[in-house]
Amino acid sequence: METIKNKSEKVYQHLSPEEREEIACLLEKGLKKKEIAKKLNRSPSTISREIQRNSTEIRNCRYRGHRAQMRSDERKSLSHKKFRLKDSRVKRYVRQKLKAGLSPEQIAGRIGKDLPGCKTNYESIYLFVYHDCPELTEFLVWGRRKRRKRAIKAGKRVVKIPNRVMIDKRPKYINERKSLGHWEADTVVSRQSKSSLVVIRERKLQIMYIRKVPRKSAKHMRQAVINILKKIPKRLVRSITFDNGLENAEHERIAKALGLKTYFCNPYHSWEKGGVENGIGLIRRFLPKKTDFSLIAHSTIRKIQYALNNRPRKSLKFWTPMERLKIALSH
């Protein structure tokens, strides 16, 4: 500890482990606090506070030097700990929205609308969850006890599909999400049954549709995509991007039925249709892996679809996809 050069000023030093052991011994001998203070050349108030703070909570139990040192060290450690989200209103809001299924990023973006004058950021929310309230980790998307980086896994064998137009030839304005009507499609499978989900998502509005099909096949993929998109105005159906799965082999029949263009991601580049991949990750919150899709009712699928389309999105300035779709349809 640093000492003060001016001898007229007092230098405060914490009690050492040796001093605490001596206090315990002197208390055993029946000495009073003032007598102990005199022997240790300490203030009587210092000895009094020490015995009061670091004695056990159980009554009639003697002061122990090593236990007192442990309590002192623990209190010192906690005094340097930084607590996130000090505002009680923000804490309550974060807890409520996490339990409602929103992500930390969505909560941070929405809090200013729901609680004017309050603000935070998603990193502070993550730190609050992982360091201050680990019991809330179960409400995060993946529910992990520790944060970890996303791993990149090798893809499966590429299935060749005739007459594919690769995503490299897709117009740049589609990549930039500047126009409406450009969709991405994928499937969600389960090892528990042959039933699967067909998921399509619009790139700009981020509106998403989910349909359960009996099996993952080109026929059922074609039927599901056509049945969904034929109910949407043609000006909002201009292109669709697939991966290289065999279930997309009938893409030409889909293009002819809907009057749109089809594109395909490069092999092992699922991130090139990141919108629908993100949507599938959200679906997994409701229907985790090993879920038997054959036991899931169509009404349940519709409820999941409704919930996801009414979630605020950062890319939409925290409006919901359903709100943006209504605006697009009104023009």
Protein backbone atom coordinates (compact mmCIF):
# COMPACT_ATOMS: atom_id res chain seq x y z
CA MET A 1 0.00 0.00 0.00
CA GLU A 2 1.24 3.48 -0.81
CA THR A 3 2.32 5.62 2.17
CA ILE A 4 1.79 9.33 2.52
CA LYS A 5 4.96 11.42 2.72
CA ASN A 6 3.36 14.07 4.93
CA LYS A 7 3.69 12.55 8.42
CA SER A 8 0.99 14.82 9.84
CA GLU A 9 -1.63 12.96 7.77
CA LYS A 10 -2.97 9.61 8.93
CA VAL A 11 -2.36 6.51 6.85
CA TYR A 12 -5.21 3.99 6.83
CA GLN A 13 -4.30 0.32 6.44
CA HIS A 14 -6.62 -2.69 6.37
CA LEU A 15 -6.29 -5.23 9.12
CA SER A 16 -3.88 -8.01 8.19
CA PRO A 17 -4.59 -11.75 8.58
CA GLU A 18 -2.13 -11.82 11.48
CA GLU A 19 -3.98 -9.01 13.24
CA ARG A 20 -7.29 -10.79 12.81
CA GLU A 21 -5.86 -13.97 14.30
CA GLU A 22 -4.55 -11.93 17.24
CA ILE A 23 -7.96 -10.34 17.75
CA ALA A 24 -9.47 -13.83 17.93
CA CYS A 25 -6.87 -14.95 20.50
CA LEU A 26 -7.34 -11.86 22.67
CA LEU A 27 -11.12 -12.26 22.58
CA GLU A 28 -10.62 -15.85 23.78
CA LYS A 29 -8.65 -14.51 26.73
CA GLY A 30 -11.54 -12.23 27.64
CA LEU A 31 -9.99 -8.87 26.74
CA LYS A 32 -12.30 -5.98 25.95
CA LYS A 33 -12.33 -4.17 22.62
CA LYS A 34 -10.48 -1.12 23.99
CA GLU A 35 -7.75 -3.33 25.43
CA ILE A 36 -7.37 -5.19 22.12
CA ALA A 37 -7.18 -1.88 20.27
CA LYS A 38 -4.42 -0.67 22.61
CA LYS A 39 -2.36 -3.85 22.11
CA LEU A 40 -2.67 -3.65 18.31
CA ASN A 41 -2.17 0.14 18.24
CA ARG A 42 -5.53 0.50 16.50
CA SER A 43 -8.58 2.64 17.08
CA PRO A 44 -11.25 1.04 19.30
CA SER A 45 -13.84 1.80 16.61
CA THR A 46 -11.76 -0.19 14.09
CA ILE A 47 -11.78 -3.24 16.38
CA SER A 48 -15.49 -2.81 17.09
CA ARG A 49 -16.41 -2.60 13.38
CA GLU A 50 -14.18 -5.58 12.58
CA ILE A 51 -15.87 -7.83 15.12
CA GLN A 52 -19.33 -6.67 14.09
CA ARG A 53 -18.79 -7.04 10.33
CA ASN A 54 -16.83 -10.26 10.17
CA SER A 55 -18.33 -12.36 12.93
CA THR A 56 -20.60 -15.21 11.94
CA GLU A 57 -24.33 -14.57 11.64
CA ILE A 58 -25.00 -17.34 14.17
CA ARG A 59 -25.28 -15.92 17.67
CA ASN A 60 -23.03 -16.99 20.52
CA CYS A 61 -20.33 -18.08 18.07
CA ARG A 62 -16.81 -16.82 18.64
CA TYR A 63 -14.90 -14.57 16.26
CA ARG A 64 -12.51 -16.58 14.03
CA GLY A 65 -9.55 -14.92 12.36
CA HIS A 66 -9.43 -17.01 9.17
CA ARG A 67 -13.21 -16.74 8.62
CA ALA A 68 -13.08 -13.00 9.20
CA GLN A 69 -10.34 -12.73 6.56
CA MET A 70 -12.46 -14.70 4.07
CA ARG A 71 -15.45 -12.41 4.61
CA SER A 72 -13.27 -9.33 4.21
CA ASP A 73 -11.75 -10.63 0.96
CA GLU A 74 -15.19 -11.48 -0.43
CA ARG A 75 -16.57 -8.04 0.38
CA LYS A 76 -13.55 -6.39 -1.23
CA SER A 77 -14.03 -8.47 -4.38
CA LEU A 78 -17.70 -7.52 -4.65
CA SER A 79 -16.87 -3.84 -4.21
CA HIS A 80 -14.96 -3.91 -7.53
CA LYS A 81 -17.64 -5.82 -9.43
CA LYS A 82 -19.42 -3.85 -12.16
CA PHE A 83 -23.15 -4.44 -12.28
CA ARG A 84 -24.89 -3.93 -15.61
CA LEU A 85 -28.30 -2.33 -16.06
CA LYS A 86 -28.33 -0.35 -12.83
CA ASP A 87 -31.72 1.22 -13.62
CA SER A 88 -34.43 -0.95 -12.03
CA ARG A 89 -36.92 -0.06 -14.79
CA VAL A 90 -34.51 -1.27 -17.47
CA LYS A 91 -33.87 -4.48 -15.53
CA ARG A 92 -37.59 -5.23 -15.25
CA TYR A 93 -38.10 -4.47 -18.94
CA VAL A 94 -35.20 -6.69 -20.02
CA ARG A 95 -36.42 -9.58 -17.86
CA GLN A 96 -39.96 -9.26 -19.19
CA LYS A 97 -38.96 -9.09 -22.86
CA LEU A 98 -36.42 -11.93 -22.62
CA LYS A 99 -39.13 -14.14 -21.16
CA ALA A 100 -41.45 -13.00 -23.96
CA GLY A 101 -38.95 -14.32 -26.53
CA LEU A 102 -37.20 -11.16 -27.76
CA SER A 103 -33.46 -11.16 -28.36
CA PRO A 104 -31.10 -8.71 -26.56
CA GLU A 105 -30.65 -6.77 -29.80
CA GLN A 106 -34.41 -6.40 -30.27
CA ILE A 107 -34.85 -5.34 -26.65
CA ALA A 108 -32.11 -2.70 -26.94
CA GLY A 109 -33.68 -1.33 -30.11
CA ARG A 110 -37.22 -1.30 -28.76
CA ILE A 111 -36.69 0.01 -25.22
CA GLY A 112 -36.62 3.65 -26.30
CA LYS A 113 -40.10 3.28 -27.84
CA ASP A 114 -41.62 1.52 -24.84
CA LEU A 115 -39.76 3.40 -22.08
CA PRO A 116 -39.01 6.94 -23.30
CA GLY A 117 -35.77 8.23 -21.85
CA CYS A 118 -34.35 4.77 -21.16
CA LYS A 119 -31.69 3.18 -23.30
CA THR A 120 -29.16 0.35 -23.29
CA ASN A 121 -27.32 -1.81 -25.82
CA TYR A 122 -27.43 -5.50 -26.57
CA GLU A 123 -23.89 -6.11 -25.29
CA SER A 124 -24.84 -4.75 -21.87
CA ILE A 125 -27.87 -7.03 -21.86
CA TYR A 126 -25.71 -10.06 -22.68
CA LEU A 127 -23.29 -9.12 -19.88
CA PHE A 128 -26.22 -8.64 -17.51
CA VAL A 129 -27.54 -12.10 -18.35
CA TYR A 130 -24.26 -14.01 -18.33
CA HIS A 131 -22.64 -12.30 -15.35
CA ASP A 132 -25.42 -10.99 -13.11
CA CYS A 133 -28.45 -13.20 -13.87
CA PRO A 134 -27.31 -16.52 -15.40
CA GLU A 135 -30.77 -17.96 -14.76
CA LEU A 136 -31.98 -15.88 -17.73
CA THR A 137 -29.75 -17.72 -20.21
CA GLU A 138 -32.55 -20.22 -20.83
CA PHE A 139 -34.54 -17.43 -22.48
CA LEU A 140 -31.80 -16.63 -25.02
CA VAL A 141 -32.05 -18.05 -28.53
CA TRP A 142 -29.63 -20.93 -27.96
CA GLY A 143 -29.90 -21.06 -24.17
CA ARG A 144 -26.18 -21.64 -23.67
CA ARG A 145 -24.60 -21.08 -20.27
CA LYS A 146 -21.54 -19.55 -21.95
CA ARG A 147 -21.17 -17.43 -25.06
CA ARG A 148 -19.25 -18.97 -27.89
CA LYS A 149 -18.33 -18.18 -31.46
CA ARG A 150 -20.26 -19.68 -34.32
CA ALA A 151 -18.48 -22.62 -35.90
CA ILE A 152 -18.26 -23.09 -39.65
CA LYS A 153 -19.04 -26.65 -40.68
CA ALA A 154 -18.30 -28.37 -43.98
CA GLY A 155 -21.34 -28.80 -46.18
CA LYS A 156 -22.77 -31.94 -47.71
CA ARG A 157 -22.29 -33.20 -51.23
CA VAL A 158 -23.75 -30.82 -53.80
CA VAL A 159 -26.65 -32.25 -55.80
CA LYS A 160 -26.66 -31.07 -59.40
CA ILE A 161 -29.95 -29.53 -60.52
CA PRO A 162 -30.50 -28.83 -64.23
CA ASN A 163 -30.73 -25.29 -65.58
CA ARG A 164 -29.72 -23.55 -62.39
CA VAL A 165 -28.93 -19.83 -62.43
CA MET A 166 -26.33 -19.18 -59.75
CA ILE A 167 -26.60 -16.32 -57.32
CA ASP A 168 -23.58 -14.58 -58.91
CA LYS A 169 -25.87 -13.68 -61.82
CA ARG A 170 -28.62 -12.31 -59.60
CA PRO A 171 -29.03 -8.51 -60.04
CA LYS A 172 -27.16 -6.41 -57.50
CA TYR A 173 -30.25 -4.48 -56.41
CA ILE A 174 -31.65 -7.76 -55.05
CA ASN A 175 -28.51 -8.24 -52.96
CA GLU A 176 -28.93 -4.75 -51.53
CA ARG A 177 -32.56 -5.39 -50.47
CA LYS A 178 -33.70 -2.22 -52.23
CA SER A 179 -36.81 -3.67 -53.88
CA LEU A 180 -39.69 -5.87 -52.82
CA GLY A 181 -40.71 -9.30 -54.05
CA HIS A 182 -37.48 -11.29 -53.69
CA TRP A 183 -37.77 -14.43 -51.60
CA GLU A 184 -35.55 -17.13 -50.09
CA ALA A 185 -36.65 -20.72 -49.48
CA ASP A 186 -35.41 -23.62 -47.39
CA THR A 187 -36.62 -26.69 -45.49
CA VAL A 188 -36.46 -27.77 -41.86
CA VAL A 189 -36.19 -31.51 -41.26
CA SER A 190 -36.46 -33.81 -38.25
CA ARG A 191 -34.83 -37.16 -37.60
CA GLN A 192 -37.94 -38.28 -35.75
CA SER A 193 -40.19 -38.41 -38.82
CA LYS A 194 -40.33 -37.84 -42.55
CA SER A 195 -42.47 -34.72 -42.12
CA SER A 196 -40.65 -31.44 -42.70
CA LEU A 197 -41.28 -27.71 -42.88
CA VAL A 198 -41.06 -25.50 -45.95
CA VAL A 199 -39.99 -21.95 -45.04
CA ILE A 200 -39.93 -18.94 -47.36
CA ARG A 201 -38.99 -15.40 -46.41
CA GLU A 202 -39.05 -12.07 -48.26
CA ARG A 203 -35.65 -10.38 -48.22
CA LYS A 204 -36.69 -6.76 -47.60
CA LEU A 205 -39.91 -7.06 -45.59
CA GLN A 206 -38.67 -10.20 -43.79
CA ILE A 207 -42.20 -11.59 -43.75
CA MET A 208 -41.99 -15.37 -43.37
CA TYR A 209 -44.35 -18.24 -44.20
CA ILE A 210 -44.14 -21.79 -42.85
CA ARG A 211 -45.89 -24.90 -44.15
CA LYS A 212 -45.71 -28.48 -42.93
CA VAL A 213 -45.35 -31.09 -45.68
CA PRO A 214 -45.48 -34.92 -45.45
CA ARG A 215 -41.90 -35.33 -46.61
CA LYS A 216 -38.92 -33.44 -47.97
CA SER A 217 -39.34 -33.91 -51.71
CA ALA A 218 -39.31 -31.84 -54.89
CA LYS A 219 -43.05 -32.37 -55.37
CA HIS A 220 -44.04 -31.19 -51.90
CA MET A 221 -41.58 -28.30 -52.05
CA ARG A 222 -43.08 -27.13 -55.33
CA GLN A 223 -46.65 -27.40 -54.10
CA ALA A 224 -45.94 -25.56 -50.83
CA VAL A 225 -44.09 -22.66 -52.47
CA ILE A 226 -46.72 -22.20 -55.16
CA ASN A 227 -49.62 -22.38 -52.67
CA ILE A 228 -48.03 -19.73 -50.48
CA LEU A 229 -46.89 -17.23 -53.11
CA LYS A 230 -49.93 -17.42 -55.40
CA LYS A 231 -51.95 -15.67 -52.66
CA ILE A 232 -49.57 -12.70 -52.67
CA PRO A 233 -49.85 -9.83 -55.21
CA LYS A 234 -47.65 -10.46 -58.26
CA ARG A 235 -45.74 -7.22 -57.74
CA LEU A 236 -44.43 -8.75 -54.50
CA VAL A 237 -43.36 -12.02 -56.14
CA ARG A 238 -40.42 -11.46 -58.50
CA SER A 239 -37.68 -13.97 -57.62
CA ILE A 240 -36.80 -16.76 -55.24
CA THR A 241 -33.41 -18.12 -54.13
CA PHE A 242 -32.83 -21.77 -53.21
CA ASP A 243 -29.94 -23.89 -52.01
CA ASN A 244 -28.69 -26.95 -53.89
CA GLY A 245 -30.89 -29.55 -52.18
CA LEU A 246 -32.63 -32.11 -54.36
CA GLU A 247 -36.01 -30.90 -53.07
CA ASN A 248 -35.52 -27.79 -55.26
CA ALA A 249 -35.22 -29.80 -58.48
CA GLU A 250 -38.61 -28.58 -59.77
CA HIS A 251 -37.64 -24.91 -59.59
CA GLU A 252 -38.51 -24.41 -63.26
CA ARG A 253 -42.11 -25.48 -62.67
CA ILE A 254 -42.28 -23.05 -59.74
CA ALA A 255 -40.94 -20.24 -61.93
CA LYS A 256 -43.48 -20.98 -64.66
CA ALA A 257 -46.44 -21.19 -62.27
CA LEU A 258 -45.63 -17.94 -60.49
CA GLY A 259 -43.93 -15.97 -63.26
CA LEU A 260 -40.73 -15.35 -61.30
CA LYS A 261 -37.01 -16.03 -61.64
CA THR A 262 -35.12 -18.62 -59.61
CA TYR A 263 -31.53 -18.42 -58.34
CA PHE A 264 -29.28 -20.83 -56.44
CA CYS A 265 -26.63 -20.28 -53.78
CA ASN A 266 -23.07 -21.40 -54.35
CA PRO A 267 -22.11 -24.76 -52.80
CA TYR A 268 -21.53 -24.57 -49.03
CA HIS A 269 -22.65 -20.91 -49.00
CA SER A 270 -25.87 -21.09 -47.00
CA TRP A 271 -25.17 -17.57 -45.71
CA GLU A 272 -26.02 -16.27 -49.20
CA LYS A 273 -29.66 -16.78 -48.22
CA GLY A 274 -29.08 -15.62 -44.68
CA GLY A 275 -32.60 -14.25 -44.20
CA VAL A 276 -34.34 -17.61 -44.30
CA GLU A 277 -31.49 -19.24 -42.38
CA ASN A 278 -32.06 -16.72 -39.60
CA GLY A 279 -35.78 -17.44 -39.75
CA ILE A 280 -35.17 -21.16 -39.31
CA GLY A 281 -33.06 -20.41 -36.25
CA LEU A 282 -36.04 -18.55 -34.78
CA ILE A 283 -38.36 -21.45 -35.60
CA ARG A 284 -36.03 -23.79 -33.70
CA ARG A 285 -36.80 -21.84 -30.56
CA PHE A 286 -40.35 -23.15 -30.78
CA LEU A 287 -39.55 -26.49 -32.42
CA PRO A 288 -36.07 -27.59 -31.29
CA LYS A 289 -34.11 -30.37 -32.93
CA LYS A 290 -35.49 -33.90 -32.45
CA THR A 291 -39.05 -32.52 -32.58
CA ASP A 292 -41.38 -34.93 -34.36
CA PHE A 293 -43.03 -32.66 -36.93
CA SER A 294 -45.69 -35.27 -37.68
CA LEU A 295 -47.13 -34.60 -34.21
CA ILE A 296 -47.25 -30.81 -34.68
CA ALA A 297 -50.65 -29.50 -35.74
CA HIS A 298 -51.00 -27.07 -38.65
CA SER A 299 -52.66 -24.62 -36.25
CA THR A 300 -49.51 -24.66 -34.10
CA ILE A 301 -47.40 -23.88 -37.17
CA ARG A 302 -49.65 -20.91 -37.94
CA LYS A 303 -49.29 -19.60 -34.38
CA ILE A 304 -45.49 -19.80 -34.66
CA GLN A 305 -45.63 -18.00 -38.00
CA TYR A 306 -47.81 -15.26 -36.49
CA ALA A 307 -45.46 -14.81 -33.52
CA LEU A 308 -42.36 -14.50 -35.71
CA ASN A 309 -43.96 -12.07 -38.13
CA ASN A 310 -44.87 -9.80 -35.24
CA ARG A 311 -41.37 -9.61 -33.74
CA PRO A 312 -39.59 -6.23 -34.06
CA ARG A 313 -36.51 -6.38 -36.32
CA LYS A 314 -33.42 -4.21 -36.17
CA SER A 315 -33.11 -4.10 -39.98
CA LEU A 316 -36.68 -2.73 -40.10
CA LYS A 317 -35.82 -0.05 -37.53
CA PHE A 318 -37.60 -2.25 -35.00
CA TRP A 319 -40.89 -2.38 -36.87
CA THR A 320 -42.38 -5.82 -37.36
CA PRO A 321 -42.52 -7.64 -40.73
CA MET A 322 -46.33 -7.68 -40.54
CA GLU A 323 -46.45 -3.92 -40.04
CA ARG A 324 -44.15 -3.40 -43.04
CA LEU A 325 -46.18 -5.79 -45.20
CA LYS A 326 -49.37 -3.86 -44.46
CA ILE A 327 -47.65 -0.64 -45.54
CA ALA A 328 -46.37 -2.27 -48.75
CA LEU A 329 -49.83 -3.60 -49.61
CA SER A 330 -51.44 -0.20 -49.03
CA HIS A 331 -49.34 1.48 -51.75
